[in-house]
C-alpha atoms as a PDB file:
ATOM      1  CA  MET A   1     -23.276   9.330   5.693  1.00  0.00           C
ATOM      2  CA  SER A   2     -20.838   9.001   2.791  1.00  0.00           C
ATOM      3  CA  THR A   3     -20.726   5.987   0.521  1.00  0.00           C
ATOM      4  CA  ALA A   4     -17.229   5.133   1.758  1.00  0.00           C
ATOM      5  CA  ARG A   5     -18.308   5.188   5.385  1.00  0.00           C
ATOM      6  CA  ARG A   6     -21.384   3.071   4.648  1.00  0.00           C
ATOM      7  CA  THR A   7     -19.535   0.516   2.514  1.00  0.00           C
ATOM      8  CA  LEU A   8     -16.053   0.492   4.036  1.00  0.00           C
ATOM      9  CA  GLY A   9     -16.668   1.668   7.601  1.00  0.00           C
ATOM     10  CA  PHE A  10     -14.296   4.652   7.315  1.00  0.00           C
ATOM     11  CA  SER A  11     -14.412   8.049   5.630  1.00  0.00           C
ATOM     12  CA  TRP A  12     -12.190   8.641   2.598  1.00  0.00           C
ATOM     13  CA  PRO A  13      -9.795  10.849   4.605  1.00  0.00           C
ATOM     14  CA  ALA A  14      -9.412   8.056   7.179  1.00  0.00           C
ATOM     15  CA  LEU A  15      -8.773   5.469   4.438  1.00  0.00           C
ATOM     16  CA  VAL A  16      -6.151   7.727   2.840  1.00  0.00           C
ATOM     17  CA  ALA A  17      -4.537   8.352   6.240  1.00  0.00           C
ATOM     18  CA  LEU A  18      -4.328   4.619   6.916  1.00  0.00           C
ATOM     19  CA  ALA A  19      -2.736   4.049   3.498  1.00  0.00           C
ATOM     20  CA  ALA A  20      -0.327   6.943   4.126  1.00  0.00           C
ATOM     21  CA  LEU A  21       1.106   5.070   7.112  1.00  0.00           C
ATOM     22  CA  ALA A  22       3.015   2.974   4.568  1.00  0.00           C
ATOM     23  CA  ALA A  23       4.240   5.937   2.482  1.00  0.00           C
ATOM     24  CA  PRO A  24       7.461   6.649   4.441  1.00  0.00           C
ATOM     25  CA  ARG A  25       8.738   3.197   3.531  1.00  0.00           C
ATOM     26  CA  VAL A  26       8.681   4.135  -0.158  1.00  0.00           C
ATOM     27  CA  ALA A  27      10.949   7.145   0.278  1.00  0.00           C
ATOM     28  CA  LEU A  28      13.259   5.488   2.785  1.00  0.00           C
ATOM     29  CA  HIS A  29      13.610   2.405   0.580  1.00  0.00           C
ATOM     30  CA  ASP A  30      14.027   4.253  -2.730  1.00  0.00           C
ATOM     31  CA  LEU A  31      16.655   6.591  -1.257  1.00  0.00           C
ATOM     32  CA  ASP A  32      18.515   3.659   0.400  1.00  0.00           C
ATOM     33  CA  VAL A  33      18.139   5.278   3.826  1.00  0.00           C
ATOM     34  CA  VAL A  34      17.028   1.979   5.365  1.00  0.00           C
ATOM     35  CA  PRO A  35      18.935  -1.073   4.123  1.00  0.00           C
ATOM     36  CA  GLU A  36      17.041  -4.224   3.133  1.00  0.00           C
ATOM     37  CA  GLY A  37      17.035  -6.844   5.873  1.00  0.00           C
ATOM     38  CA  ALA A  38      17.289  -4.323   8.702  1.00  0.00           C
ATOM     39  CA  ALA A  39      14.795  -4.548  11.541  1.00  0.00           C
ATOM     40  CA  VAL A  40      13.558  -1.046  10.702  1.00  0.00           C
ATOM     41  CA  ALA A  41      12.884  -2.139   7.106  1.00  0.00           C
ATOM     42  CA  ALA A  42      10.801  -5.054   8.364  1.00  0.00           C
ATOM     43  CA  LEU A  43       8.893  -2.764  10.715  1.00  0.00           C
ATOM     44  CA  LEU A  44       8.210  -0.293   7.890  1.00  0.00           C
ATOM     45  CA  ALA A  45       6.964  -3.123   5.669  1.00  0.00           C
ATOM     46  CA  VAL A  46       4.805  -4.994   8.193  1.00  0.00           C
ATOM     47  CA  GLY A  47       3.762  -2.239  10.601  1.00  0.00           C
ATOM     48  CA  PRO A  48       1.288  -0.344   8.384  1.00  0.00           C
ATOM     49  CA  PRO A  49      -0.696  -3.442   7.294  1.00  0.00           C
ATOM     50  CA  LEU A  50      -0.876  -4.486  10.939  1.00  0.00           C
ATOM     51  CA  CYS A  51      -2.301  -1.042  11.732  1.00  0.00           C
ATOM     52  CA  TRP A  52      -4.863  -1.515   8.946  1.00  0.00           C
ATOM     53  CA  VAL A  53      -5.922  -4.850  10.444  1.00  0.00           C
ATOM     54  CA  ALA A  54      -6.082  -3.341  13.945  1.00  0.00           C
ATOM     55  CA  ALA A  55      -8.207  -0.421  12.709  1.00  0.00           C
ATOM     56  CA  VAL A  56     -10.640  -2.793  11.001  1.00  0.00           C
ATOM     57  CA  LEU A  57     -10.854  -5.019  14.072  1.00  0.00           C
ATOM     58  CA  TRP A  58     -11.520  -1.949  16.216  1.00  0.00           C
ATOM     59  CA  ARG A  59     -14.105  -0.356  13.883  1.00  0.00           C
ATOM     60  CA  ARG A  60     -15.695  -3.640  12.667  1.00  0.00           C
ATOM     61  CA  PRO A  61     -16.916  -2.485   9.242  1.00  0.00           C
ATOM     62  CA  ALA A  62     -19.470  -4.651   7.453  1.00  0.00           C
ATOM     63  CA  ARG A  63     -16.914  -5.644   4.795  1.00  0.00           C
ATOM     64  CA  PRO A  64     -13.483  -5.845   6.452  1.00  0.00           C
ATOM     65  CA  PHE A  65     -11.804  -7.556   3.502  1.00  0.00           C
ATOM     66  CA  LEU A  66     -12.992  -4.913   1.029  1.00  0.00           C
ATOM     67  CA  THR A  67     -12.002  -2.165   3.449  1.00  0.00           C
ATOM     68  CA  VAL A  68      -8.404  -3.352   3.759  1.00  0.00           C
ATOM     69  CA  VAL A  69      -8.098  -4.106   0.028  1.00  0.00           C
ATOM     70  CA  SER A  70      -9.217  -0.507  -0.600  1.00  0.00           C
ATOM     71  CA  ILE A  71      -6.565   0.776   1.809  1.00  0.00           C
ATOM     72  CA  GLY A  72      -3.987  -1.401   0.044  1.00  0.00           C
ATOM     73  CA  ALA A  73      -4.994  -0.008  -3.354  1.00  0.00           C
ATOM     74  CA  LEU A  74      -4.605   3.523  -1.996  1.00  0.00           C
ATOM     75  CA  TYR A  75      -1.186   2.495  -0.673  1.00  0.00           C
ATOM     76  CA  GLY A  76      -0.396   1.272  -4.193  1.00  0.00           C
ATOM     77  CA  VAL A  77      -1.086   4.786  -5.464  1.00  0.00           C
ATOM     78  CA  PHE A  78       1.281   6.214  -2.827  1.00  0.00           C
ATOM     79  CA  LEU A  79       3.840   3.610  -3.874  1.00  0.00           C
ATOM     80  CA  ALA A  80       3.470   4.537  -7.552  1.00  0.00           C
ATOM     81  CA  VAL A  81       3.781   8.270  -6.867  1.00  0.00           C
ATOM     82  CA  GLY A  82       6.785   7.701  -4.607  1.00  0.00           C
ATOM     83  CA  HIS A  83       8.582   5.617  -7.211  1.00  0.00           C
ATOM     84  CA  GLN A  84       7.950   8.320  -9.826  1.00  0.00           C
ATOM     85  CA  VAL A  85       9.206  11.082  -7.517  1.00  0.00           C
ATOM     86  CA  PHE A  86      12.369   9.157  -6.598  1.00  0.00           C
ATOM     87  CA  TRP A  87      12.801   7.616 -10.058  1.00  0.00           C
ATOM     88  CA  ASP A  88      16.259   8.962 -10.892  1.00  0.00           C
ATOM     89  CA  SER A  89      17.772   8.205  -7.505  1.00  0.00           C
ATOM     90  CA  SER A  90      16.354   4.702  -7.166  1.00  0.00           C
ATOM     91  CA  LEU A  91      14.998   3.007 -10.265  1.00  0.00           C
ATOM     92  CA  GLY A  92      16.371   4.930 -13.192  1.00  0.00           C
ATOM     93  CA  MET A  93      16.567   3.759 -16.773  1.00  0.00           C
ATOM     94  CA  ASP A  94      18.715   0.626 -16.508  1.00  0.00           C
ATOM     95  CA  ALA A  95      16.917  -1.823 -18.805  1.00  0.00           C
ATOM     96  CA  PRO A  96      19.400  -3.536 -21.156  1.00  0.00           C
ATOM     97  CA  GLY A  97      16.631  -5.510 -22.888  1.00  0.00           C
ATOM     98  CA  LEU A  98      15.041  -2.268 -24.026  1.00  0.00           C
ATOM     99  CA  ALA A  99      18.256  -0.702 -25.390  1.00  0.00           C
ATOM    100  CA  GLY A 100      16.835  -0.630 -28.927  1.00  0.00           C
ATOM    101  CA  LEU A 101      14.035   1.747 -27.973  1.00  0.00           C
ATOM    102  CA  GLU A 102      14.256   5.502 -28.115  1.00  0.00           C
ATOM    103  CA  PRO A 103      15.075   6.912 -24.648  1.00  0.00           C
ATOM    104  CA  GLY A 104      11.693   8.654 -24.324  1.00  0.00           C
ATOM    105  CA  ALA A 105       9.784   5.512 -25.254  1.00  0.00           C
ATOM    106  CA  ARG A 106      11.933   3.401 -22.925  1.00  0.00           C
ATOM    107  CA  GLU A 107      11.331   5.781 -20.021  1.00  0.00           C
ATOM    108  CA  ALA A 108       7.577   5.902 -20.668  1.00  0.00           C
ATOM    109  CA  LEU A 109       7.412   2.109 -20.836  1.00  0.00           C
ATOM    110  CA  LEU A 110       9.441   1.632 -17.650  1.00  0.00           C
ATOM    111  CA  ARG A 111       7.563   4.308 -15.728  1.00  0.00           C
ATOM    112  CA  GLY A 112       4.211   2.906 -16.834  1.00  0.00           C
ATOM    113  CA  ALA A 113       5.260  -0.593 -15.798  1.00  0.00           C
ATOM    114  CA  ALA A 114       6.423   0.762 -12.434  1.00  0.00           C
ATOM    115  CA  VAL A 115       3.054   2.452 -11.852  1.00  0.00           C
ATOM    116  CA  MET A 116       1.126  -0.714 -12.698  1.00  0.00           C
ATOM    117  CA  SER A 117       3.446  -2.851 -10.580  1.00  0.00           C
ATOM    118  CA  SER A 118       3.093  -0.468  -7.636  1.00  0.00           C
ATOM    119  CA  VAL A 119      -0.699  -0.437  -7.732  1.00  0.00           C
ATOM    120  CA  VAL A 120      -0.823  -4.238  -8.026  1.00  0.00           C
ATOM    121  CA  THR A 121       1.702  -4.626  -5.195  1.00  0.00           C
ATOM    122  CA  GLY A 122      -0.213  -2.295  -2.881  1.00  0.00           C
ATOM    123  CA  THR A 123      -3.491  -4.006  -3.703  1.00  0.00           C
ATOM    124  CA  MET A 124      -1.993  -7.441  -3.050  1.00  0.00           C
ATOM    125  CA  VAL A 125      -0.678  -6.252   0.324  1.00  0.00           C
ATOM    126  CA  GLY A 126      -4.266  -5.186   0.988  1.00  0.00           C
ATOM    127  CA  VAL A 127      -5.558  -8.609  -0.106  1.00  0.00           C
ATOM    128  CA  VAL A 128      -3.257 -10.429   2.310  1.00  0.00           C
ATOM    129  CA  ALA A 129      -3.915  -8.020   5.189  1.00  0.00           C
ATOM    130  CA  GLY A 130      -7.638  -8.017   4.352  1.00  0.00           C
ATOM    131  CA  GLY A 131      -7.699 -11.800   4.535  1.00  0.00           C
ATOM    132  CA  VAL A 132      -6.053 -11.657   7.936  1.00  0.00           C
ATOM    133  CA  ALA A 133      -8.521  -8.984   9.082  1.00  0.00           C
ATOM    134  CA  ALA A 134     -11.529 -10.964   7.838  1.00  0.00           C
ATOM    135  CA  LEU A 135     -10.347 -14.184   9.505  1.00  0.00           C
ATOM    136  CA  LEU A 136      -9.517 -12.454  12.788  1.00  0.00           C
ATOM    137  CA  GLY A 137     -12.833 -10.595  12.670  1.00  0.00           C
ATOM    138  CA  ARG A 138     -14.639 -13.923  12.536  1.00  0.00           C
ATOM    139  CA  ALA A 139     -12.458 -15.559  15.181  1.00  0.00           C
ATOM    140  CA  LEU A 140     -12.404 -12.754  17.738  1.00  0.00           C
ATOM    141  CA  PRO A 141     -15.505 -11.697  19.647  1.00  0.00           C
ATOM    142  CA  THR A 142     -16.999  -8.330  18.822  1.00  0.00           C
ATOM    143  CA  PRO A 143     -16.013  -5.825  21.516  1.00  0.00           C
ATOM    144  CA  VAL A 144     -18.822  -4.388  23.590  1.00  0.00           C
ATOM    145  CA  ARG A 145     -19.174  -0.620  23.012  1.00  0.00           C
ATOM    146  CA  ARG A 146     -20.383   1.578  25.858  1.00  0.00           C
END
């Protein structure tokens, strides 16, 4: 049994697959395919973390909070990669406060900040969803497996 399965209750491929459920939102948001405030945007934002919670409640790993935080951190990596891939069409180099920097330095600084922000954002989504999963796991009875 792998370390991930023992500690988190899922294999690494399963954890990555759960995190990947949130990846389409990155592309659709960065390319302005789905406008903010639309019902689809809300579904893309809330649906994947709800799936994470449901998976943890179904599987009942020993550490549900850690499991969902790990999924959120993996989502943060997807978020960071997505923002880098769609950089020119979504985020770009508009940073008036950094106008005095050389363009290469400005881009490196902005891209680095975007990566860090993405990983923190994904992890924090995992923290919130993990808290919900841990609380629901305590409140709901453990299903009987046959």
